[in-house]
Amino acid sequence: MTRLFEPYTIREVEFKNRIAMAPMCMYSSHNCDGQIEDWHKTHYSTRAVGQVGLIIVEATAVQPEGRISAQDLGIWSDDHIVGLTEVVRLMKQHGTKTGIQLAHAGRKATVDGDIFAPSAMAFNDTYKTPVEMTVNDIKATIQAFKDGTIRAQKAGFDVIELHGAHGYLINEFLSPLTNKRTDDYGGSAENRYRILREIIDEVRNVWVGPLFVRISAHDYTEGGMTPEAYVEMAKWMKEQGIDLVDVSSGALVPAKIDAFPGYQVKFSETIKSGAHIATGAVGLITTGIQAEEILKNGRADLILLARELLRDPYWAYSAAKELGTEIPVPKQYDRGWTF
């Protein structure tokens, strides 16, 4: 058995392989109410038929003002539980484990009304200037992550991921480029990490299952965060009960990124070896052989695919054939994979 198609277990939750679908916004909650639509049901269940071991549902806002767009999914209300439960049911029919990314867009929110961030700094000229959060605002947001966790549990998800990447709210607190606060939530690395520490603590009070954090390991800007700086924070995450760090990069501030196949894998490797924590590798991973190399060389523990699964929902079958491995095929599709 190849490493890519070995089962992988976290906190008694077994994934049938090490292929995960990274969260990708669909911008398809067309009534702007955060509700699941037919598109989501089709999109996610198709990847489950394609034998993805773990599917993480897109960035789902814990507060309405924390949406990246007005068409984002939400989990700020009990009204969202029914739709999310149905998506979970559809995915689990095919043996896929299910995750959800709890998120707040911070200064990159594009909804009507005020938006909020650690400091009153706009992302660029096309974004609104956010309101600097008060301590009460921060506490309310931490509670919103906890409440979202409770709703995700009621919907039946197996995994929760906290979105601390791509220039959204948690990421904005973690980096000195976007956090200019002078109170207990700014300044030192310990202070900048404080909001994530408090979110993790509150989430862990109500959630015993696998818990991931997605980070942007490199800001690609002088004075910003680097993989080496994140090793320290990843150690704190591990102490708090985080099971896996999903290692992405960029998007905190406008910056030029040299993207090439596997360009973010080295960041995963640095954090995995430096913090002795499980990691997920992302970033232009497109072939089974490439994924297998990452796993066998101990550079990551999960392979998170994004755009490749938009292009090919059945990537797992192609990867298995490429690696000379047989995997189960739904009987409805068996004739398509018998040669």
Protein backbone atom coordinates (compact mmCIF):
# COMPACT_ATOMS: atom_id res chain seq x y z
CA MET A 1 0.00 0.00 0.00
CA THR A 2 1.29 3.44 -0.86
CA ARG A 3 1.48 6.03 1.90
CA LEU A 4 -1.07 8.24 0.13
CA PHE A 5 -3.71 5.53 0.40
CA GLU A 6 -2.91 4.38 3.92
CA PRO A 7 -5.56 5.09 6.55
CA TYR A 8 -4.69 7.90 8.96
CA THR A 9 -6.19 8.30 12.42
CA ILE A 10 -6.51 11.38 14.63
CA ARG A 11 -8.32 11.12 17.99
CA GLU A 12 -10.03 7.88 16.97
CA VAL A 13 -11.30 9.41 13.71
CA GLU A 14 -9.92 7.29 10.85
CA PHE A 15 -9.52 8.79 7.39
CA LYS A 16 -9.49 6.10 4.70
CA ASN A 17 -6.54 7.79 2.97
CA ARG A 18 -4.35 10.87 3.31
CA ILE A 19 -6.10 12.91 0.63
CA ALA A 20 -8.00 15.93 1.90
CA MET A 21 -9.89 18.64 0.09
CA ALA A 22 -8.79 22.06 1.27
CA PRO A 23 -11.51 24.64 1.98
CA MET A 24 -12.41 26.69 -1.08
CA CYS A 25 -15.10 29.36 -1.03
CA MET A 26 -17.93 28.72 -3.47
CA TYR A 27 -19.60 32.15 -3.09
CA SER A 28 -22.89 30.37 -3.71
CA SER A 29 -25.16 31.23 -0.80
CA HIS A 30 -27.16 33.34 -3.22
CA ASN A 31 -29.71 34.69 -0.77
CA CYS A 32 -26.89 36.21 1.27
CA ASP A 33 -28.11 34.44 4.40
CA GLY A 34 -25.24 31.99 4.85
CA GLN A 35 -27.42 28.99 4.01
CA ILE A 36 -26.43 25.83 2.15
CA GLU A 37 -27.74 25.73 -1.43
CA ASP A 38 -28.12 22.89 -3.95
CA TRP A 39 -24.72 23.76 -5.39
CA HIS A 40 -22.97 22.87 -2.14
CA LYS A 41 -24.75 19.53 -1.93
CA THR A 42 -23.61 18.58 -5.42
CA HIS A 43 -20.09 19.99 -5.11
CA TYR A 44 -19.14 18.27 -1.86
CA SER A 45 -20.83 14.94 -2.46
CA THR A 46 -19.12 14.63 -5.86
CA ARG A 47 -15.70 14.78 -4.21
CA ALA A 48 -16.85 12.17 -1.70
CA VAL A 49 -17.75 9.85 -4.58
CA GLY A 50 -14.24 10.59 -5.84
CA GLN A 51 -12.81 8.92 -2.71
CA VAL A 52 -11.35 11.98 -0.98
CA GLY A 53 -10.61 10.86 2.57
CA LEU A 54 -11.42 14.19 4.27
CA ILE A 55 -13.44 17.03 2.83
CA ILE A 56 -13.20 20.38 4.63
CA VAL A 57 -16.15 22.61 3.83
CA GLU A 58 -15.27 26.14 2.77
CA ALA A 59 -14.64 29.10 5.07
CA THR A 60 -17.86 29.40 7.08
CA ALA A 61 -18.39 32.65 8.92
CA VAL A 62 -18.94 32.66 12.67
CA GLN A 63 -20.35 36.21 12.47
CA PRO A 64 -22.22 37.84 9.58
CA GLU A 65 -19.77 40.75 9.48
CA GLY A 66 -16.97 38.18 9.17
CA ARG A 67 -17.94 36.94 5.71
CA ILE A 68 -15.45 37.32 2.88
CA SER A 69 -18.45 37.99 0.64
CA ALA A 70 -22.18 38.23 1.21
CA GLN A 71 -22.50 34.87 -0.57
CA ASP A 72 -20.35 32.98 1.95
CA LEU A 73 -21.67 30.17 4.10
CA GLY A 74 -22.46 30.97 7.71
CA ILE A 75 -22.65 29.25 11.05
CA TRP A 76 -23.61 32.22 13.22
CA SER A 77 -27.18 30.98 13.67
CA ASP A 78 -28.87 27.73 14.64
CA ASP A 79 -30.80 28.14 11.39
CA HIS A 80 -27.67 27.03 9.51
CA ILE A 81 -27.49 23.61 11.17
CA VAL A 82 -30.12 21.90 8.99
CA GLY A 83 -28.36 22.62 5.69
CA LEU A 84 -24.94 21.73 7.02
CA THR A 85 -26.32 18.47 8.42
CA GLU A 86 -27.58 17.50 4.98
CA VAL A 87 -24.19 18.16 3.36
CA VAL A 88 -22.51 16.04 6.03
CA ARG A 89 -24.99 13.22 5.41
CA LEU A 90 -24.35 13.25 1.67
CA MET A 91 -20.57 13.12 2.08
CA LYS A 92 -20.58 10.40 4.72
CA GLN A 93 -22.61 8.10 2.46
CA HIS A 94 -19.37 7.47 0.57
CA GLY A 95 -17.07 6.87 3.54
CA THR A 96 -15.58 10.36 3.58
CA LYS A 97 -14.81 12.13 6.84
CA THR A 98 -16.14 15.65 7.03
CA GLY A 99 -14.62 18.88 8.25
CA ILE A 100 -15.61 22.53 8.36
CA GLN A 101 -13.42 25.63 8.43
CA LEU A 102 -14.65 28.19 10.95
CA ALA A 103 -13.67 31.64 9.77
CA HIS A 104 -13.81 35.40 10.17
CA ALA A 105 -12.61 37.58 7.30
CA GLY A 106 -11.52 40.56 9.38
CA ARG A 107 -10.39 43.47 7.23
CA LYS A 108 -10.90 41.46 4.03
CA ALA A 109 -14.66 41.22 4.55
CA THR A 110 -16.66 42.79 1.72
CA VAL A 111 -20.11 42.88 3.31
CA ASP A 112 -22.21 45.97 3.98
CA GLY A 113 -21.66 47.90 7.19
CA ASP A 114 -18.64 48.05 9.45
CA ILE A 115 -15.91 45.46 9.20
CA PHE A 116 -13.48 44.68 12.02
CA ALA A 117 -9.78 43.98 12.46
CA PRO A 118 -7.07 44.14 15.12
CA SER A 119 -5.96 47.51 13.74
CA ALA A 120 -7.64 50.12 11.53
CA MET A 121 -5.61 49.35 8.41
CA ALA A 122 -7.17 48.59 5.02
CA PHE A 123 -5.82 45.70 2.94
CA ASN A 124 -5.49 47.98 -0.08
CA ASP A 125 -7.29 50.86 -1.78
CA THR A 126 -10.20 48.66 -2.91
CA TYR A 127 -11.07 47.48 0.61
CA LYS A 128 -12.80 49.40 3.38
CA THR A 129 -10.84 50.57 6.37
CA PRO A 130 -11.86 48.33 9.27
CA VAL A 131 -12.88 49.36 12.75
CA GLU A 132 -10.24 48.49 15.34
CA MET A 133 -11.76 45.86 17.59
CA THR A 134 -12.36 46.63 21.23
CA VAL A 135 -11.64 44.02 23.86
CA ASN A 136 -15.39 43.41 24.04
CA ASP A 137 -15.46 42.87 20.25
CA ILE A 138 -12.64 40.34 20.61
CA LYS A 139 -14.44 38.48 23.40
CA ALA A 140 -17.66 38.37 21.35
CA THR A 141 -15.75 36.92 18.38
CA ILE A 142 -14.10 34.28 20.54
CA GLN A 143 -17.56 33.30 21.80
CA ALA A 144 -18.78 33.17 18.18
CA PHE A 145 -16.07 30.62 17.34
CA LYS A 146 -17.18 28.54 20.32
CA ASP A 147 -20.85 28.80 19.31
CA GLY A 148 -19.94 27.85 15.74
CA THR A 149 -18.13 24.80 17.07
CA ILE A 150 -21.24 23.69 18.96
CA ARG A 151 -23.32 24.05 15.79
CA ALA A 152 -20.73 22.16 13.73
CA GLN A 153 -20.89 19.35 16.27
CA LYS A 154 -24.68 19.25 16.01
CA ALA A 155 -24.37 19.06 12.21
CA GLY A 156 -22.20 15.95 12.54
CA PHE A 157 -18.79 17.12 11.34
CA ASP A 158 -15.76 14.99 12.21
CA VAL A 159 -13.10 17.72 12.05
CA ILE A 160 -12.98 21.44 12.79
CA GLU A 161 -10.40 23.74 11.25
CA LEU A 162 -9.80 27.27 12.52
CA HIS A 163 -8.94 29.66 9.69
CA GLY A 164 -5.79 31.50 10.71
CA ALA A 165 -4.48 32.09 7.19
CA HIS A 166 -4.77 34.18 4.02
CA GLY A 167 -5.01 37.57 5.67
CA TYR A 168 -8.25 36.98 7.52
CA LEU A 169 -8.95 37.96 11.12
CA ILE A 170 -6.86 35.46 13.11
CA ASN A 171 -3.98 35.83 10.65
CA GLU A 172 -4.22 39.62 11.05
CA PHE A 173 -3.73 39.26 14.80
CA LEU A 174 -0.79 36.85 14.44
CA SER A 175 1.35 39.02 12.15
CA PRO A 176 3.11 42.22 13.22
CA LEU A 177 2.42 43.65 9.76
CA THR A 178 -1.30 43.95 10.50
CA ASN A 179 -1.41 43.98 14.29
CA LYS A 180 -0.33 47.36 15.64
CA ARG A 181 -2.19 47.09 18.95
CA THR A 182 -0.61 48.21 22.21
CA ASP A 183 -2.86 46.21 24.56
CA ASP A 184 -2.70 42.53 25.58
CA TYR A 185 -3.58 41.45 22.03
CA GLY A 186 -0.66 43.16 20.31
CA GLY A 187 3.08 43.62 20.47
CA SER A 188 4.94 40.45 21.43
CA ALA A 189 4.41 37.11 19.72
CA GLU A 190 2.67 35.86 22.86
CA ASN A 191 0.25 38.79 22.78
CA ARG A 192 -0.43 38.53 19.05
CA TYR A 193 -1.18 34.83 19.56
CA ARG A 194 -3.54 35.57 22.47
CA ILE A 195 -6.78 35.65 20.45
CA LEU A 196 -5.98 32.29 18.85
CA ARG A 197 -5.02 30.87 22.24
CA GLU A 198 -8.36 31.95 23.68
CA ILE A 199 -10.30 30.66 20.67
CA ILE A 200 -8.59 27.27 20.90
CA ASP A 201 -9.28 27.06 24.63
CA GLU A 202 -12.98 27.86 24.18
CA VAL A 203 -13.32 25.46 21.25
CA ARG A 204 -11.57 22.67 23.14
CA ASN A 205 -13.99 23.17 26.03
CA VAL A 206 -16.80 21.89 23.78
CA TRP A 207 -15.03 19.84 21.09
CA VAL A 208 -13.10 16.61 21.67
CA GLY A 209 -12.57 15.66 18.02
CA PRO A 210 -9.72 16.47 15.61
CA LEU A 211 -8.88 20.18 15.58
CA PHE A 212 -6.77 21.82 12.86
CA VAL A 213 -5.46 25.35 12.36
CA ARG A 214 -4.71 26.72 8.91
CA ILE A 215 -1.88 29.24 8.84
CA SER A 216 -0.14 31.43 6.29
CA ALA A 217 3.41 30.40 7.12
CA HIS A 218 5.08 33.19 5.16
CA ASP A 219 4.01 36.81 4.66
CA TYR A 220 6.54 37.31 1.80
CA THR A 221 7.18 40.80 3.17
CA GLU A 222 10.03 42.15 5.27
CA GLY A 223 9.13 42.26 8.94
CA GLY A 224 6.36 39.70 8.54
CA MET A 225 5.90 36.14 9.72
CA THR A 226 8.10 33.31 8.45
CA PRO A 227 7.92 29.52 8.84
CA GLU A 228 10.61 29.73 11.51
CA ALA A 229 8.55 32.26 13.48
CA TYR A 230 5.52 30.01 13.19
CA VAL A 231 7.40 27.07 14.71
CA GLU A 232 7.07 28.77 18.09
CA MET A 233 3.34 29.34 17.63
CA ALA A 234 2.87 25.78 16.38
CA LYS A 235 4.44 24.53 19.61
CA TRP A 236 1.87 26.54 21.55
CA MET A 237 -0.89 25.10 19.36
CA LYS A 238 0.30 21.58 20.10
CA GLU A 239 0.32 22.28 23.85
CA GLN A 240 -3.29 23.44 23.54
CA GLY A 241 -4.45 20.28 21.78
CA ILE A 242 -4.25 21.22 18.11
CA ASP A 243 -3.79 18.01 16.13
CA LEU A 244 -2.60 19.30 12.76
CA VAL A 245 -1.37 22.55 11.23
CA ASP A 246 -2.61 23.10 7.68
CA VAL A 247 0.31 25.02 6.19
CA SER A 248 -0.50 27.54 3.47
CA SER A 249 1.10 30.96 2.92
CA GLY A 250 0.57 34.51 1.73
CA ALA A 251 -2.42 36.83 1.23
CA LEU A 252 -1.94 38.83 4.43
CA VAL A 253 -0.65 41.87 2.56
CA PRO A 254 -0.22 42.51 -1.17
CA ALA A 255 3.00 40.71 -2.11
CA LYS A 256 4.57 38.96 -5.07
CA ILE A 257 4.74 35.19 -4.64
CA ASP A 258 6.91 32.87 -6.71
CA ALA A 259 4.46 29.97 -7.06
CA PHE A 260 5.77 26.69 -8.47
CA PRO A 261 4.83 23.02 -7.97
CA GLY A 262 5.03 22.22 -4.27
CA TYR A 263 6.23 25.73 -3.37
CA GLN A 264 4.62 25.62 0.09
CA VAL A 265 5.68 22.07 1.04
CA LYS A 266 8.98 23.25 2.54
CA PHE A 267 6.99 25.39 4.99
CA SER A 268 5.05 22.32 6.12
CA GLU A 269 8.31 20.43 6.53
CA THR A 270 9.83 23.23 8.64
CA ILE A 271 6.87 23.38 11.00
CA LYS A 272 6.48 19.61 11.24
CA SER A 273 10.12 19.06 12.18
CA GLY A 274 10.48 22.19 14.29
CA ALA A 275 7.32 21.87 16.38
CA HIS A 276 6.93 18.08 16.22
CA ILE A 277 3.31 18.45 15.15
CA ALA A 278 1.40 16.86 12.28
CA THR A 279 1.04 19.06 9.22
CA GLY A 280 -0.90 19.22 5.99
CA ALA A 281 0.87 20.21 2.76
CA VAL A 282 -0.79 22.37 0.13
CA GLY A 283 0.17 24.35 -2.94
CA LEU A 284 0.26 23.16 -6.56
CA ILE A 285 0.32 19.48 -5.67
CA THR A 286 -1.09 17.85 -8.77
CA THR A 287 0.12 14.24 -9.17
CA GLY A 288 0.05 11.08 -7.13
CA ILE A 289 3.82 10.69 -7.36
CA GLN A 290 4.34 14.22 -6.04
CA ALA A 291 1.98 13.56 -3.13
CA GLU A 292 3.64 10.23 -2.36
CA GLU A 293 7.10 11.82 -2.23
CA ILE A 294 5.90 14.43 0.27
CA LEU A 295 4.48 11.79 2.59
CA LYS A 296 7.28 9.23 2.32
CA ASN A 297 9.94 11.85 2.97
CA GLY A 298 8.11 12.95 6.12
CA ARG A 299 7.38 16.45 4.88
CA ALA A 300 3.69 16.31 5.82
CA ASP A 301 1.04 13.94 7.14
CA LEU A 302 -1.89 14.91 4.92
CA ILE A 303 -2.07 16.14 1.34
CA LEU A 304 -4.58 18.96 0.91
CA LEU A 305 -5.71 19.51 -2.66
CA ALA A 306 -7.62 22.58 -3.76
CA ARG A 307 -7.83 23.63 -7.40
CA GLU A 308 -6.75 20.21 -8.59
CA LEU A 309 -10.00 18.83 -7.13
CA LEU A 310 -11.95 21.53 -8.96
CA ARG A 311 -10.40 20.32 -12.21
CA ASP A 312 -10.72 16.62 -11.37
CA PRO A 313 -13.14 15.51 -8.63
CA TYR A 314 -11.94 11.93 -9.24
CA TRP A 315 -8.24 12.70 -8.76
CA ALA A 316 -7.88 9.89 -6.21
CA TYR A 317 -8.64 7.25 -8.86
CA SER A 318 -6.04 8.70 -11.23
CA ALA A 319 -3.47 8.93 -8.45
CA ALA A 320 -4.09 5.31 -7.44
CA LYS A 321 -3.57 4.16 -11.02
CA GLU A 322 -0.41 6.27 -11.28
CA LEU A 323 0.95 4.68 -8.09
CA GLY A 324 -0.10 1.15 -9.04
CA THR A 325 -2.56 0.85 -6.18
CA GLU A 326 -6.11 -0.48 -6.25
CA ILE A 327 -8.73 1.42 -4.27
CA PRO A 328 -12.46 0.78 -3.86
CA VAL A 329 -14.63 2.11 -6.66
CA PRO A 330 -18.40 2.61 -6.35
CA LYS A 331 -20.07 -0.16 -8.34
CA GLN A 332 -21.82 2.49 -10.43
CA TYR A 333 -18.40 3.64 -11.67
CA ASP A 334 -16.58 0.31 -11.74
CA ARG A 335 -16.78 -0.09 -15.51
CA GLY A 336 -15.00 3.26 -15.92
CA TRP A 337 -11.95 2.10 -13.98
CA THR A 338 -11.62 -1.46 -15.23
CA PHE A 339 -9.07 -1.80 -18.00
